[in-house]
């Protein structure tokens, strides 16, 4: 079965909200083995919605609509579909009672237009709304299926999981599942990674390999379709092994994890504590580490040492180091990392110093960064970077590189 998801709402086109519903539904349809080849977004306009429906019908068996089931005049999804299919809209007694009960419990006045939410397509299966007012609908006409769902995520997600997913499952003749695994890489660009596995991408059939780049890192999504979950996992594992033989040194984790999540896990496992001294990153590293639940078990604290005075007076960077080498230097990064670890009694100290931009500093070009890592009992390491990009981008990527270097060191 092929499906198309049609999100209805001008606010989506205006960029006022993100279309997270399509992402949520697509993930669940993949578990059923339903192919989703198109996501469509259309505004609150009956003519354009009608056009979108006709196009979707030409390329998909299952059309899933989100949004446009509310009480106002611009909520026109079910009216447009009813007109297209030649169906009447009728009141669903259970839905109307649920709406009336809601207004009674909340002691609010129910206006006449709220009854509109209880109208459903004649002959459809009604999908109850346990978290709102407008019910969903599921209808078959000829060889086409139509599912109408409300727009608010807090309503559509539980409705789809509890009622929509099983309704589609009942109509499935094939029992294939679609399984995906995401491999996350850092320290290698998308073009280089793709070049190293180009022959695997060119030869892909099942599983497929899809490179994706974003936020300074690269991911590979391996997707397999099979009637057996176990066999799909085996095929994915085989492809993964081939990928690791080429670019495994840059791999750091699976699926939705992050560099900081992986770093925190390793620190906790090894019972190590961390402290940070940040100049150009201005506390971004500390912000990320403290966003991890249980960060108190691994993070002692840190200092944002933005000025030379703070570097010298608080973190005891030698005046001679600043005069001879400057603050954007390997010696300064080394002292910052060692001193923050000692001052805060941490097993590891990490430091960030450099030039975020937009102007040069001490003769160093924008993007010059030094990251120091001092671990008890081991020689201090300093990594030098030459980044390019915006001020914000240089700061963000510096933090990620710090996490990556530290993670690599701890994993050995």
Protein backbone atom coordinates (compact mmCIF):
# COMPACT_ATOMS: atom_id res chain seq x y z
CA UNK A 1 0.00 0.00 0.00
CA UNK A 2 1.20 3.51 -0.87
CA UNK A 3 0.11 6.48 1.20
CA UNK A 4 0.17 10.25 0.93
CA UNK A 5 -0.15 12.55 3.92
CA UNK A 6 -1.96 15.83 3.32
CA UNK A 7 -1.62 18.45 6.04
CA UNK A 8 -4.24 21.20 5.90
CA UNK A 9 -3.63 24.63 7.38
CA UNK A 10 -2.37 28.00 6.16
CA UNK A 11 -0.33 28.33 9.37
CA UNK A 12 1.90 25.51 8.10
CA UNK A 13 2.61 27.36 4.85
CA UNK A 14 3.30 30.58 6.72
CA UNK A 15 5.92 28.82 8.84
CA UNK A 16 4.06 29.55 12.06
CA UNK A 17 4.15 25.87 13.08
CA UNK A 18 6.11 22.84 11.91
CA UNK A 19 4.47 19.85 10.24
CA UNK A 20 5.39 17.33 12.95
CA UNK A 21 2.21 15.33 12.37
CA UNK A 22 3.43 14.04 8.99
CA UNK A 23 6.70 12.93 10.55
CA UNK A 24 4.86 11.10 13.34
CA UNK A 25 2.44 9.34 10.98
CA UNK A 26 5.18 8.38 8.52
CA UNK A 27 7.19 6.65 11.24
CA UNK A 28 4.19 4.54 12.23
CA UNK A 29 3.24 3.72 8.65
CA UNK A 30 6.78 2.43 8.09
CA UNK A 31 6.15 -0.11 10.85
CA UNK A 32 3.23 -1.40 8.80
CA UNK A 33 5.23 -1.57 5.58
CA UNK A 34 3.20 1.28 4.04
CA UNK A 35 5.20 3.35 1.57
CA UNK A 36 4.95 7.13 2.01
CA UNK A 37 6.26 8.83 -1.12
CA UNK A 38 4.69 12.27 -0.72
CA UNK A 39 3.92 14.79 2.02
CA UNK A 40 1.61 17.58 0.84
CA UNK A 41 0.77 20.80 2.66
CA UNK A 42 -2.17 22.89 1.49
CA UNK A 43 -3.72 26.03 2.94
CA UNK A 44 -7.28 26.60 4.11
CA UNK A 45 -8.69 26.82 0.60
CA UNK A 46 -11.28 24.39 -0.76
CA UNK A 47 -10.24 24.64 -4.42
CA UNK A 48 -6.57 24.00 -3.70
CA UNK A 49 -7.41 21.18 -1.30
CA UNK A 50 -9.62 19.57 -3.96
CA UNK A 51 -6.73 19.77 -6.43
CA UNK A 52 -4.37 18.18 -3.87
CA UNK A 53 -6.84 15.34 -3.28
CA UNK A 54 -7.11 14.53 -6.98
CA UNK A 55 -3.33 14.49 -7.39
CA UNK A 56 -2.90 12.29 -4.32
CA UNK A 57 -5.53 9.83 -5.57
CA UNK A 58 -3.54 9.34 -8.77
CA UNK A 59 -0.49 8.09 -6.87
CA UNK A 60 -1.62 6.65 -3.53
CA UNK A 61 -4.19 4.18 -2.23
CA UNK A 62 -4.34 5.71 1.23
CA UNK A 63 -4.84 9.43 1.79
CA UNK A 64 -4.33 10.65 5.35
CA UNK A 65 -5.43 14.19 6.18
CA UNK A 66 -4.41 16.15 9.27
CA UNK A 67 -6.11 19.37 10.35
CA UNK A 68 -9.16 21.30 9.22
CA UNK A 69 -11.72 19.49 11.40
CA UNK A 70 -12.36 22.34 13.84
CA UNK A 71 -15.40 24.57 14.39
CA UNK A 72 -14.45 27.65 12.36
CA UNK A 73 -15.23 28.56 8.74
CA UNK A 74 -11.66 27.94 7.60
CA UNK A 75 -11.86 24.34 8.87
CA UNK A 76 -13.00 22.80 5.60
CA UNK A 77 -11.31 19.40 5.25
CA UNK A 78 -14.31 17.14 5.74
CA UNK A 79 -16.63 19.43 3.77
CA UNK A 80 -14.27 19.36 0.78
CA UNK A 81 -13.80 15.59 0.95
CA UNK A 82 -17.56 15.05 1.33
CA UNK A 83 -18.15 17.17 -1.76
CA UNK A 84 -15.46 15.30 -3.69
CA UNK A 85 -16.76 11.84 -2.75
CA UNK A 86 -20.44 12.72 -3.03
CA UNK A 87 -21.03 11.97 0.64
CA UNK A 88 -23.34 13.65 3.14
CA UNK A 89 -22.10 14.93 6.48
CA UNK A 90 -24.10 13.54 9.40
CA UNK A 91 -23.95 14.06 13.16
CA UNK A 92 -22.22 11.38 15.18
CA UNK A 93 -24.19 11.12 18.42
CA UNK A 94 -21.24 9.92 20.53
CA UNK A 95 -19.03 12.76 19.31
CA UNK A 96 -21.75 15.37 19.89
CA UNK A 97 -22.36 14.06 23.40
CA UNK A 98 -18.62 14.18 24.11
CA UNK A 99 -18.45 17.82 22.98
CA UNK A 100 -21.46 18.79 25.09
CA UNK A 101 -19.99 17.00 28.12
CA UNK A 102 -16.71 18.89 27.68
CA UNK A 103 -18.42 22.30 27.78
CA UNK A 104 -20.55 21.25 30.76
CA UNK A 105 -17.51 20.07 32.75
CA UNK A 106 -15.50 23.19 31.99
CA UNK A 107 -18.52 25.43 32.69
CA UNK A 108 -18.14 27.14 29.34
CA UNK A 109 -20.86 28.22 26.93
CA UNK A 110 -21.09 25.98 23.89
CA UNK A 111 -21.61 28.00 20.71
CA UNK A 112 -23.56 26.59 17.76
CA UNK A 113 -20.50 26.24 15.55
CA UNK A 114 -18.94 23.73 17.97
CA UNK A 115 -21.56 21.21 16.88
CA UNK A 116 -19.87 21.25 13.47
CA UNK A 117 -17.04 19.21 14.96
CA UNK A 118 -19.41 16.28 15.47
CA UNK A 119 -20.23 16.07 11.75
CA UNK A 120 -18.69 13.02 10.06
CA UNK A 121 -18.71 11.53 6.57
CA UNK A 122 -21.72 9.32 5.97
CA UNK A 123 -20.76 5.64 6.21
CA UNK A 124 -17.31 6.18 7.72
CA UNK A 125 -15.75 4.50 10.72
CA UNK A 126 -15.54 7.14 13.43
CA UNK A 127 -12.23 7.42 15.28
CA UNK A 128 -12.96 8.73 18.80
CA UNK A 129 -11.06 11.77 20.05
CA UNK A 130 -10.06 10.96 23.64
CA UNK A 131 -8.07 14.19 24.00
CA UNK A 132 -10.17 16.78 22.19
CA UNK A 133 -13.49 17.33 20.44
CA UNK A 134 -13.30 16.66 16.69
CA UNK A 135 -13.43 12.91 15.93
CA UNK A 136 -11.40 11.31 13.17
CA UNK A 137 -12.80 9.32 10.24
CA UNK A 138 -11.79 6.32 8.12
CA UNK A 139 -13.58 5.58 4.87
CA UNK A 140 -13.15 3.34 1.86
CA UNK A 141 -14.55 4.17 -1.57
CA UNK A 142 -13.80 1.88 -4.47
CA UNK A 143 -10.08 1.02 -4.08
CA UNK A 144 -9.20 4.19 -2.19
CA UNK A 145 -8.93 4.77 1.55
CA UNK A 146 -9.36 8.14 3.28
CA UNK A 147 -8.40 8.91 6.88
CA UNK A 148 -9.21 12.28 8.43
CA UNK A 149 -7.45 13.29 11.64
CA UNK A 150 -7.45 16.48 13.77
CA UNK A 151 -4.50 18.86 13.65
CA UNK A 152 -3.31 19.37 17.27
CA UNK A 153 -0.49 16.89 18.02
CA UNK A 154 -1.91 16.10 21.46
CA UNK A 155 -5.08 14.87 19.73
CA UNK A 156 -3.81 13.31 16.50
CA UNK A 157 -1.01 11.23 17.98
CA UNK A 158 -2.99 9.20 20.53
CA UNK A 159 -5.91 8.92 18.07
CA UNK A 160 -3.70 7.52 15.34
CA UNK A 161 -1.92 5.06 17.63
CA UNK A 162 -5.10 3.77 19.29
CA UNK A 163 -7.58 3.84 16.39
CA UNK A 164 -5.96 4.87 13.08
CA UNK A 165 -3.06 2.44 13.05
CA UNK A 166 -5.23 -0.66 13.73
CA UNK A 167 -7.78 0.47 11.12
CA UNK A 168 -5.09 0.62 8.43
CA UNK A 169 -3.55 -2.63 9.62
CA UNK A 170 -6.84 -4.44 9.05
CA UNK A 171 -6.76 -3.43 5.39
CA UNK A 172 -3.20 -4.61 4.76
CA UNK A 173 -2.77 -7.67 2.55
CA UNK A 174 1.04 -7.66 2.72
CA UNK A 175 2.68 -8.19 6.11
CA UNK A 176 5.98 -6.56 5.16
CA UNK A 177 7.56 -4.19 7.66
CA UNK A 178 9.91 -1.30 7.00
CA UNK A 179 12.75 -1.00 9.49
CA UNK A 180 15.28 1.82 9.61
CA UNK A 181 18.47 2.33 11.55
CA UNK A 182 20.30 5.64 11.65
CA UNK A 183 24.11 5.71 11.96
CA UNK A 184 25.59 8.97 13.24
CA UNK A 185 29.03 10.26 12.25
CA UNK A 186 31.15 13.25 13.21
CA UNK A 187 34.50 14.55 11.98
CA UNK A 188 33.86 13.71 8.34
CA UNK A 189 31.97 15.75 5.75
CA UNK A 190 28.96 14.46 3.86
CA UNK A 191 30.74 14.51 0.48
CA UNK A 192 33.78 12.58 1.74
CA UNK A 193 31.66 10.02 3.57
CA UNK A 194 29.51 9.50 0.49
CA UNK A 195 32.61 9.08 -1.67
CA UNK A 196 33.96 6.35 0.63
CA UNK A 197 30.73 4.34 0.37
CA UNK A 198 29.71 5.39 -3.14
CA UNK A 199 29.79 1.82 -4.49
CA UNK A 200 27.48 0.66 -1.70
CA UNK A 201 25.00 3.45 -2.49
CA UNK A 202 25.14 2.72 -6.23
CA UNK A 203 24.47 -0.99 -5.63
CA UNK A 204 21.71 -0.50 -3.05
CA UNK A 205 18.43 -2.36 -3.48
CA UNK A 206 17.19 -3.65 -0.15
CA UNK A 207 18.38 -2.30 2.26
CA UNK A 208 18.71 1.25 0.97
CA UNK A 209 21.26 3.81 2.21
CA UNK A 210 20.40 7.51 2.50
CA UNK A 211 23.05 10.09 3.56
CA UNK A 212 21.80 13.14 5.44
CA UNK A 213 23.77 16.14 6.67
CA UNK A 214 22.86 18.66 9.31
CA UNK A 215 24.12 20.64 12.30
CA UNK A 216 27.77 19.80 11.70
CA UNK A 217 27.40 16.05 11.49
CA UNK A 218 26.39 13.37 9.00
CA UNK A 219 23.92 10.51 9.30
CA UNK A 220 23.26 7.44 7.21
CA UNK A 221 19.79 5.92 7.31
CA UNK A 222 19.69 2.23 6.42
CA UNK A 223 16.16 1.07 5.54
CA UNK A 224 15.02 -2.48 4.88
CA UNK A 225 11.63 -3.89 3.84
CA UNK A 226 10.91 -7.52 4.67
CA UNK A 227 8.18 -9.80 5.97
CA UNK A 228 10.45 -10.84 8.85
CA UNK A 229 11.79 -8.37 11.42
CA UNK A 230 14.65 -10.74 12.24
CA UNK A 231 15.70 -11.04 8.59
CA UNK A 232 15.43 -7.29 8.10
CA UNK A 233 17.72 -6.78 11.09
CA UNK A 234 20.25 -9.21 9.61
CA UNK A 235 20.27 -7.41 6.27
CA UNK A 236 20.72 -4.05 7.99
CA UNK A 237 23.53 -5.43 10.16
CA UNK A 238 25.36 -6.73 7.09
CA UNK A 239 25.14 -3.33 5.37
CA UNK A 240 26.19 -1.60 8.57
CA UNK A 241 29.28 -3.82 8.81
CA UNK A 242 30.31 -2.87 5.27
CA UNK A 243 29.88 0.83 6.07
CA UNK A 244 31.91 0.55 9.28
CA UNK A 245 34.78 -1.04 7.36
CA UNK A 246 35.07 2.24 5.41
CA UNK A 247 34.15 5.01 7.87
CA UNK A 248 33.78 3.33 11.25
CA UNK A 249 36.33 5.62 12.91
CA UNK A 250 33.89 8.53 12.60
CA UNK A 251 30.84 6.68 13.96
CA UNK A 252 29.59 7.65 17.41
CA UNK A 253 26.01 6.40 17.88
CA UNK A 254 22.62 5.26 16.62
CA UNK A 255 19.25 6.82 15.84
CA UNK A 256 18.28 9.82 18.00
CA UNK A 257 21.32 9.97 20.25
CA UNK A 258 23.67 12.98 20.40
CA UNK A 259 27.38 13.45 21.01
CA UNK A 260 26.62 14.80 24.47
CA UNK A 261 24.36 11.86 25.32
CA UNK A 262 27.10 9.43 24.32
CA UNK A 263 29.74 11.40 26.21
CA UNK A 264 27.62 11.53 29.37
CA UNK A 265 27.02 7.78 29.16
CA UNK A 266 30.73 7.01 28.93
CA UNK A 267 31.64 9.42 31.75
CA UNK A 268 29.01 7.84 33.99
CA UNK A 269 30.11 4.32 33.09
CA UNK A 270 33.76 5.12 33.86
CA UNK A 271 32.82 7.09 37.00
CA UNK A 272 34.62 10.21 35.79
CA UNK A 273 33.85 13.87 36.47
CA UNK A 274 34.28 16.83 34.15
CA UNK A 275 34.85 20.59 34.41
CA UNK A 276 34.89 23.19 31.62
CA UNK A 277 36.63 26.49 30.90
CA UNK A 278 34.99 28.31 28.01
CA UNK A 279 36.11 31.42 26.19
CA UNK A 280 34.72 31.66 22.64
CA UNK A 281 31.87 29.19 23.35
CA UNK A 282 30.57 31.35 26.19
CA UNK A 283 29.00 28.54 28.22
CA UNK A 284 27.44 26.55 25.37
CA UNK A 285 29.29 23.38 26.37
CA UNK A 286 28.09 23.72 29.97
CA UNK A 287 24.55 24.38 28.79
CA UNK A 288 24.54 21.13 26.82
CA UNK A 289 26.09 18.97 29.52
CA UNK A 290 23.69 20.26 32.19
CA UNK A 291 20.70 19.52 29.93
CA UNK A 292 21.44 15.80 30.42
CA UNK A 293 19.41 14.21 33.26
CA UNK A 294 21.74 13.22 36.06
CA UNK A 295 24.46 15.66 34.95
CA UNK A 296 25.34 16.26 38.60
CA UNK A 297 26.99 12.84 38.67
CA UNK A 298 29.50 13.75 35.96
CA UNK A 299 29.81 17.55 35.87
CA UNK A 300 31.58 19.53 38.59
CA UNK A 301 31.06 22.98 37.07
CA UNK A 302 32.75 25.50 34.84
CA UNK A 303 33.88 29.06 34.18
CA UNK A 304 33.11 31.32 31.24
CA UNK A 305 36.49 33.05 30.93
CA UNK A 306 35.72 35.52 28.19
CA UNK A 307 38.27 38.17 29.11
CA UNK A 308 42.01 37.93 29.58
CA UNK A 309 41.59 39.10 33.17
CA UNK A 310 39.35 36.17 34.05
CA UNK A 311 41.70 33.73 32.32
CA UNK A 312 44.60 35.07 34.37
CA UNK A 313 43.03 36.01 37.71
CA UNK A 314 40.42 33.25 38.08
CA UNK A 315 41.88 30.37 36.05
CA UNK A 316 45.53 31.24 36.69
CA UNK A 317 46.72 31.25 33.09
CA UNK A 318 50.26 32.62 33.37
CA UNK A 319 50.76 36.23 32.34
CA UNK A 320 53.80 35.07 30.39
CA UNK A 321 51.64 32.62 28.41
CA UNK A 322 49.22 35.39 27.42
CA UNK A 323 52.03 37.81 26.54
CA UNK A 324 54.15 35.33 24.56
CA UNK A 325 51.52 33.15 22.88
CA UNK A 326 48.22 35.00 23.22
CA UNK A 327 44.93 33.61 24.52
CA UNK A 328 44.14 32.02 21.15
CA UNK A 329 46.91 29.46 21.41
CA UNK A 330 47.76 25.88 22.31
CA UNK A 331 49.59 26.84 25.53
CA UNK A 332 46.60 28.86 26.76
CA UNK A 333 44.15 26.02 25.98
CA UNK A 334 46.46 23.60 27.81
CA UNK A 335 46.65 25.71 30.96
CA UNK A 336 42.91 26.39 30.97
CA UNK A 337 42.07 22.68 30.79
CA UNK A 338 44.59 21.70 33.46
CA UNK A 339 43.68 24.53 35.82
CA UNK A 340 39.90 24.12 35.64
CA UNK A 341 40.26 20.41 36.43
CA UNK A 342 42.48 21.18 39.42
CA UNK A 343 40.41 24.10 40.74
CA UNK A 344 37.11 22.17 40.56
CA UNK A 345 38.58 18.80 41.56
CA UNK A 346 37.45 17.08 38.36
CA UNK A 347 38.95 14.04 36.67
CA UNK A 348 38.89 15.82 33.32
CA UNK A 349 39.14 19.45 32.31
CA UNK A 350 38.11 20.69 28.88
CA UNK A 351 38.77 24.17 27.50
CA UNK A 352 37.68 26.20 24.48
CA UNK A 353 39.54 29.26 23.23
CA UNK A 354 39.52 30.78 19.78
CA UNK A 355 38.07 33.29 17.35
CA UNK A 356 34.34 32.96 16.72
CA UNK A 357 34.15 36.08 14.56
CA UNK A 358 33.35 38.34 12.87
CA UNK A 359 36.84 39.89 13.32
CA UNK A 360 40.32 38.48 13.70
CA UNK A 361 41.91 38.27 17.15
CA UNK A 362 45.63 38.48 17.93
CA UNK A 363 46.31 38.04 14.22
CA UNK A 364 44.41 34.76 14.11
CA UNK A 365 41.74 34.38 11.43
CA UNK A 366 38.08 33.75 12.26
CA UNK A 367 37.51 30.05 12.91
CA UNK A 368 40.84 29.43 14.68
CA UNK A 369 40.00 27.26 17.69
CA UNK A 370 42.01 25.37 20.31
CA UNK A 371 40.38 22.72 22.51
CA UNK A 372 42.32 21.43 25.51
CA UNK A 373 41.60 18.15 27.30
CA UNK A 374 43.39 17.41 30.58
CA UNK A 375 42.81 14.01 32.21
CA UNK A 376 44.38 12.97 35.50
CA UNK A 377 47.41 10.78 34.97
CA UNK A 378 47.66 11.46 31.23
CA UNK A 379 49.42 14.10 29.10
CA UNK A 380 47.18 17.04 28.21
CA UNK A 381 46.00 17.07 24.61
CA UNK A 382 45.21 20.18 22.58
CA UNK A 383 43.29 19.94 19.30
CA UNK A 384 43.53 22.77 16.78
CA UNK A 385 40.67 23.60 14.39
CA UNK A 386 40.32 25.88 11.40
CA UNK A 387 36.58 26.36 11.03
CA UNK A 388 34.63 28.37 8.50
CA UNK A 389 31.15 29.79 8.84
CA UNK A 390 29.16 32.21 10.93
CA UNK A 391 29.97 33.28 14.47
CA UNK A 392 27.14 31.15 15.83
CA UNK A 393 28.16 28.21 13.66
CA UNK A 394 31.79 28.36 14.79
CA UNK A 395 30.72 28.37 18.44
CA UNK A 396 28.30 25.48 18.01
CA UNK A 397 30.74 23.36 16.01
CA UNK A 398 33.51 24.01 18.53
CA UNK A 399 31.32 22.52 21.25
CA UNK A 400 30.56 19.47 19.12
CA UNK A 401 34.23 18.95 18.32
CA UNK A 402 35.03 19.16 22.02
CA UNK A 403 32.48 16.46 22.77
CA UNK A 404 33.78 14.35 19.89
CA UNK A 405 37.47 14.61 20.85
CA UNK A 406 36.70 13.80 24.47
CA UNK A 407 34.47 10.87 23.49
CA UNK A 408 37.15 9.43 21.21
CA UNK A 409 39.78 9.75 23.94
CA UNK A 410 37.60 8.00 26.53
CA UNK A 411 36.68 5.17 24.18
CA UNK A 412 40.34 4.68 23.34
